Amino acid sequence: MIPTIKRAWILFFVMSLLFLGCSRPRPRIESLPLPDIRNLKERIEKNRARLRDFKGLGLIQVYGPETRAAMGVNVRYLATDYLQITLRGAMGIEVGTLALAEGRYHLSYPGSRIPPSGEIEDIVLPEEFALPIRGAELVDLFLPFPSEPEIPSRASVQRDLERQEYLLAWDEDSTYYQLWVDAFKPVITKELLTSSAGDTVWYKELGSIKKRSKVFMPSEWNVQIGSGHSAITVKMKLSSLWINSGLAPSDFDTDGKDDNDTGEDPFGG
């Protein structure tokens, strides 16, 4: 009996040591050297290049001076030119679908006899979409990356001790860019663009970042466009997410009619 108890205690002691070894906290960023900007850029770009496509199902919330809405959202993305968003309102009723392909958009919604289409920069959504956002900002809203993918070599690198992340910063065309980079994952976690007057132009923060199919990617993000009373805030949260599942251009409704639409939720929800 005694040898059995002794063996049990030894096993418990060994397992405790293993657990403590596996759960060691991250080193403080103060103890880490500042990374070379070129190496940092390369790591971020390499992770992003691994993302060939994704599709997600979740919720989008929009808050603005004249807008307050919550809708179901289906998102499809195929690097680098295809993006499709389908919004659903109460009781799962479809609000509409916006598809982007090779610089052009195609819009369809109940009651539209001729689906509008045109250049991405000219996108203006109907009121039913509850998204008072236009052009490229609308595209950036639904993508889990920062809106400014190019980090210049002149960007400064410093430590943000409060967030325990690296902070990149630079000026360009009267806009001040700030990007926060995880010290241990090749991802940008936060983006802030401010005007020369110090007002927020664009803010985006990514959350729930995990490695999925060899890609570090968030499943939720918050965006703020503008500042003060005119600011628009959008919250995206994907409850289901599929990465690199083999999407093709034919999976996108780029002609105003989805050939694959059977009337069912494309994600099985």
Protein backbone atom coordinates (compact mmCIF):
# COMPACT_ATOMS: atom_id res chain seq x y z
CA MET A 1 0.00 0.00 0.00
CA ILE A 2 2.76 2.43 0.98
CA PRO A 3 4.79 1.90 -2.25
CA THR A 4 1.60 2.52 -4.24
CA ILE A 5 1.00 5.83 -2.43
CA LYS A 6 4.65 6.79 -2.93
CA ARG A 7 4.43 6.09 -6.67
CA ALA A 8 1.24 8.17 -6.88
CA TRP A 9 2.96 11.13 -5.20
CA ILE A 10 5.98 10.83 -7.48
CA LEU A 11 3.70 10.77 -10.54
CA PHE A 12 1.80 13.80 -9.23
CA PHE A 13 5.07 15.67 -8.63
CA VAL A 14 6.36 14.91 -12.15
CA MET A 15 3.07 15.94 -13.79
CA SER A 16 3.07 19.19 -11.80
CA LEU A 17 6.57 20.01 -13.04
CA LEU A 18 5.54 19.30 -16.62
CA PHE A 19 2.45 21.49 -16.26
CA LEU A 20 4.43 24.37 -14.78
CA GLY A 21 6.99 24.05 -17.56
CA CYS A 22 4.30 24.17 -20.26
CA SER A 23 2.46 27.10 -18.71
CA ARG A 24 5.44 29.39 -18.28
CA PRO A 25 4.41 32.99 -18.94
CA ARG A 26 5.66 34.87 -21.97
CA PRO A 27 8.81 36.92 -21.45
CA ARG A 28 8.14 40.62 -20.87
CA ILE A 29 8.67 42.68 -24.00
CA GLU A 30 11.20 44.80 -22.08
CA SER A 31 13.54 41.78 -22.10
CA LEU A 32 13.26 41.24 -25.85
CA PRO A 33 15.41 43.01 -28.47
CA LEU A 34 13.72 45.35 -30.92
CA PRO A 35 13.12 43.44 -34.17
CA ASP A 36 14.50 44.52 -37.51
CA ILE A 37 11.70 46.18 -39.52
CA ARG A 38 12.46 44.06 -42.60
CA ASN A 39 12.26 40.79 -40.67
CA LEU A 40 9.06 41.90 -38.98
CA LYS A 41 7.46 42.79 -42.33
CA GLU A 42 8.57 39.49 -43.84
CA ARG A 43 7.00 37.46 -41.00
CA ILE A 44 3.70 39.36 -41.26
CA GLU A 45 3.56 39.07 -45.06
CA LYS A 46 4.44 35.36 -44.97
CA ASN A 47 1.56 34.63 -42.58
CA ARG A 48 -0.86 36.62 -44.70
CA ALA A 49 0.30 34.85 -47.87
CA ARG A 50 -0.70 31.50 -46.31
CA LEU A 51 -4.33 32.61 -46.33
CA ARG A 52 -5.71 31.54 -49.71
CA ASP A 53 -9.38 31.77 -48.79
CA PHE A 54 -11.83 31.80 -45.91
CA LYS A 55 -15.54 31.74 -45.28
CA GLY A 56 -17.28 32.73 -42.09
CA LEU A 57 -20.67 32.96 -40.47
CA GLY A 58 -21.45 35.37 -37.66
CA LEU A 59 -22.84 38.71 -36.55
CA ILE A 60 -22.21 42.31 -37.53
CA GLN A 61 -23.24 45.30 -35.39
CA VAL A 62 -23.26 48.85 -36.73
CA TYR A 63 -23.47 52.05 -34.66
CA GLY A 64 -23.54 55.58 -36.05
CA PRO A 65 -25.22 58.98 -35.69
CA GLU A 66 -28.27 57.72 -37.61
CA THR A 67 -27.65 53.97 -37.59
CA ARG A 68 -28.02 51.19 -35.05
CA ALA A 69 -28.35 47.68 -36.44
CA ALA A 70 -27.39 44.05 -35.88
CA MET A 71 -27.44 41.52 -38.71
CA GLY A 72 -26.29 38.02 -39.50
CA VAL A 73 -23.36 37.97 -41.92
CA ASN A 74 -21.89 35.38 -44.29
CA VAL A 75 -18.45 36.22 -45.66
CA ARG A 76 -16.42 34.57 -48.42
CA TYR A 77 -12.92 35.66 -49.43
CA LEU A 78 -10.52 34.37 -52.08
CA ALA A 79 -7.09 36.00 -52.25
CA THR A 80 -6.70 38.56 -53.47
CA ASP A 81 -9.55 39.82 -55.66
CA TYR A 82 -12.75 38.12 -54.50
CA LEU A 83 -14.97 39.05 -51.55
CA GLN A 84 -18.66 38.37 -50.95
CA ILE A 85 -20.88 39.50 -48.08
CA THR A 86 -24.46 38.37 -47.50
CA LEU A 87 -26.44 40.11 -44.75
CA ARG A 88 -29.54 38.72 -43.06
CA GLY A 89 -31.97 40.58 -40.82
CA ALA A 90 -34.65 39.43 -38.40
CA MET A 91 -35.88 35.84 -38.81
CA GLY A 92 -32.99 35.17 -41.21
CA ILE A 93 -34.54 37.24 -44.02
CA GLU A 94 -31.88 38.18 -46.55
CA VAL A 95 -31.05 41.88 -46.70
CA GLY A 96 -28.78 41.58 -49.72
CA THR A 97 -25.48 40.38 -51.15
CA LEU A 98 -22.43 42.39 -52.16
CA ALA A 99 -19.84 40.60 -54.31
CA LEU A 100 -16.48 42.10 -55.27
CA ALA A 101 -14.30 40.71 -58.02
CA GLU A 102 -11.28 42.11 -59.85
CA GLY A 103 -11.96 45.74 -59.00
CA ARG A 104 -15.72 45.70 -59.61
CA TYR A 105 -18.76 45.19 -57.39
CA HIS A 106 -22.07 43.42 -57.98
CA LEU A 107 -24.99 44.14 -55.67
CA SER A 108 -28.23 42.19 -55.31
CA TYR A 109 -31.09 42.58 -52.85
CA PRO A 110 -34.83 41.84 -52.71
CA GLY A 111 -36.73 44.15 -55.03
CA SER A 112 -33.77 45.03 -57.26
CA ARG A 113 -34.75 44.16 -60.84
CA ILE A 114 -31.36 45.06 -62.29
CA PRO A 115 -28.55 44.33 -59.82
CA PRO A 116 -26.29 47.42 -59.67
CA SER A 117 -22.62 46.98 -60.53
CA GLY A 118 -19.61 49.20 -61.11
CA GLU A 119 -16.16 50.15 -59.85
CA ILE A 120 -15.42 49.35 -56.20
CA GLU A 121 -14.61 53.00 -55.46
CA ASP A 122 -18.19 53.92 -56.42
CA ILE A 123 -20.03 51.53 -54.06
CA VAL A 124 -23.04 53.10 -52.33
CA LEU A 125 -25.22 50.60 -50.46
CA PRO A 126 -29.01 50.94 -50.14
CA GLU A 127 -30.41 52.00 -46.75
CA GLU A 128 -31.53 48.42 -46.08
CA PHE A 129 -27.89 47.39 -45.61
CA ALA A 130 -27.52 49.82 -42.67
CA LEU A 131 -23.89 50.42 -43.66
CA PRO A 132 -23.32 54.12 -44.42
CA ILE A 133 -19.81 53.37 -45.71
CA ARG A 134 -18.48 53.72 -49.23
CA GLY A 135 -15.75 52.47 -51.52
CA ALA A 136 -12.54 50.87 -50.33
CA GLU A 137 -13.41 51.41 -46.65
CA LEU A 138 -16.30 49.00 -47.11
CA VAL A 139 -13.92 46.34 -48.42
CA ASP A 140 -11.44 46.84 -45.55
CA LEU A 141 -14.30 46.56 -43.07
CA PHE A 142 -14.92 42.89 -43.87
CA LEU A 143 -11.30 41.74 -44.15
CA PRO A 144 -9.33 40.53 -41.11
CA PHE A 145 -6.24 42.53 -42.05
CA PRO A 146 -5.18 46.13 -41.56
CA SER A 147 -6.23 48.51 -44.32
CA GLU A 148 -2.60 49.53 -44.88
CA PRO A 149 -0.75 46.35 -45.94
CA GLU A 150 2.46 48.12 -46.98
CA ILE A 151 4.79 48.95 -44.10
CA PRO A 152 7.56 51.31 -45.29
CA SER A 153 11.15 50.54 -44.33
CA ARG A 154 11.37 53.98 -42.70
CA ALA A 155 8.75 53.04 -40.07
CA SER A 156 9.99 53.33 -36.50
CA VAL A 157 9.80 50.34 -34.13
CA GLN A 158 9.33 50.69 -30.39
CA ARG A 159 7.88 48.78 -27.46
CA ASP A 160 4.38 49.42 -26.14
CA LEU A 161 4.86 48.39 -22.52
CA GLU A 162 1.16 48.59 -21.68
CA ARG A 163 0.03 46.29 -24.51
CA GLN A 164 3.26 44.25 -24.45
CA GLU A 165 3.49 44.56 -28.24
CA TYR A 166 5.69 46.23 -30.82
CA LEU A 167 4.48 49.56 -32.18
CA LEU A 168 5.29 50.65 -35.73
CA ALA A 169 4.74 54.27 -36.73
CA TRP A 170 5.27 56.58 -39.72
CA ASP A 171 3.86 59.68 -41.45
CA GLU A 172 2.50 59.77 -44.98
CA ASP A 173 0.39 62.37 -46.82
CA SER A 174 -0.66 64.22 -43.63
CA THR A 175 -1.75 60.93 -42.02
CA TYR A 176 -0.03 59.34 -39.02
CA TYR A 177 0.01 55.53 -39.14
CA GLN A 178 0.36 53.30 -36.08
CA LEU A 179 0.37 49.49 -36.18
CA TRP A 180 0.66 47.21 -33.15
CA VAL A 181 2.32 43.83 -33.76
CA ASP A 182 2.14 40.80 -31.47
CA ALA A 183 5.60 40.09 -30.04
CA PHE A 184 5.21 36.32 -30.55
CA LYS A 185 2.79 35.94 -33.47
CA PRO A 186 3.31 37.35 -37.00
CA VAL A 187 0.12 39.42 -36.87
CA ILE A 188 -0.95 43.05 -36.61
CA THR A 189 -3.42 43.32 -33.73
CA LYS A 190 -4.38 46.98 -33.95
CA GLU A 191 -4.29 49.79 -36.52
CA LEU A 192 -4.81 53.51 -35.95
CA LEU A 193 -4.73 56.24 -38.59
CA THR A 194 -4.99 59.84 -37.39
CA SER A 195 -5.07 63.16 -39.21
CA SER A 196 -2.58 65.98 -38.74
CA ALA A 197 -5.10 67.48 -36.28
CA GLY A 198 -5.05 64.30 -34.18
CA ASP A 199 -8.54 63.10 -35.16
CA THR A 200 -9.19 59.41 -35.77
CA VAL A 201 -9.49 58.61 -39.47
CA TRP A 202 -9.58 54.81 -39.16
CA TYR A 203 -9.24 52.43 -36.23
CA LYS A 204 -9.25 48.64 -36.35
CA GLU A 205 -8.55 46.13 -33.59
CA LEU A 206 -8.43 42.37 -34.10
CA GLY A 207 -9.35 39.81 -31.44
CA SER A 208 -9.48 36.05 -30.81
CA ILE A 209 -6.35 35.50 -32.92
CA LYS A 210 -5.53 31.81 -33.23
CA LYS A 211 -3.54 29.59 -35.55
CA ARG A 212 -6.01 27.93 -37.88
CA SER A 213 -4.89 25.79 -40.85
CA LYS A 214 -1.32 27.12 -40.41
CA VAL A 215 -2.55 30.74 -40.53
CA PHE A 216 -2.73 33.13 -37.58
CA MET A 217 -6.11 34.81 -38.03
CA PRO A 218 -8.73 36.60 -35.90
CA SER A 219 -12.38 35.61 -35.67
CA GLU A 220 -13.56 39.05 -34.54
CA TRP A 221 -12.61 42.68 -35.14
CA ASN A 222 -13.86 46.17 -34.34
CA VAL A 223 -13.63 49.16 -36.67
CA GLN A 224 -14.17 52.87 -36.10
CA ILE A 225 -14.35 55.26 -39.04
CA GLY A 226 -14.08 58.96 -38.23
CA SER A 227 -14.27 60.56 -34.81
CA GLY A 228 -16.66 62.50 -32.61
CA HIS A 229 -20.42 62.50 -33.19
CA SER A 230 -20.05 61.48 -36.85
CA ALA A 231 -18.02 58.33 -36.08
CA ILE A 232 -19.27 54.96 -37.32
CA THR A 233 -18.43 51.85 -35.28
CA VAL A 234 -18.70 48.33 -36.66
CA LYS A 235 -18.21 45.09 -34.72
CA MET A 236 -17.67 41.80 -36.56
CA LYS A 237 -17.75 38.43 -34.81
CA LEU A 238 -17.54 35.16 -36.72
CA SER A 239 -18.88 32.21 -34.73
CA SER A 240 -17.89 29.75 -37.48
CA LEU A 241 -14.79 30.06 -39.62
CA TRP A 242 -13.31 27.89 -42.38
CA ILE A 243 -9.82 28.65 -43.70
CA ASN A 244 -8.23 27.45 -46.96
CA SER A 245 -11.23 25.27 -47.76
CA GLY A 246 -10.70 25.47 -51.53
CA LEU A 247 -12.98 28.32 -52.65
CA ALA A 248 -12.92 29.16 -56.37
CA PRO A 249 -14.05 32.22 -58.39
CA SER A 250 -17.20 30.28 -59.35
CA ASP A 251 -18.26 30.38 -55.68
CA PHE A 252 -18.81 34.14 -55.93
CA ASP A 253 -21.95 35.90 -57.19
CA THR A 254 -20.14 38.18 -59.64
CA ASP A 255 -22.94 38.44 -62.20
CA GLY A 256 -25.81 39.36 -59.90
CA LYS A 257 -27.02 35.76 -59.80
CA ASP A 258 -25.53 33.06 -57.59
CA ASP A 259 -25.42 29.87 -59.66
CA ASN A 260 -24.67 27.88 -56.51
CA ASP A 261 -27.56 29.32 -54.49
CA THR A 262 -30.03 26.59 -53.56
CA GLY A 263 -31.94 28.76 -51.12
CA GLU A 264 -30.04 27.24 -48.21
CA ASP A 265 -27.42 28.80 -45.99
CA PRO A 266 -24.11 28.29 -47.88
CA PHE A 267 -22.37 27.50 -44.59
CA GLY A 268 -24.85 24.97 -43.32
CA GLY A 269 -26.17 27.26 -40.57
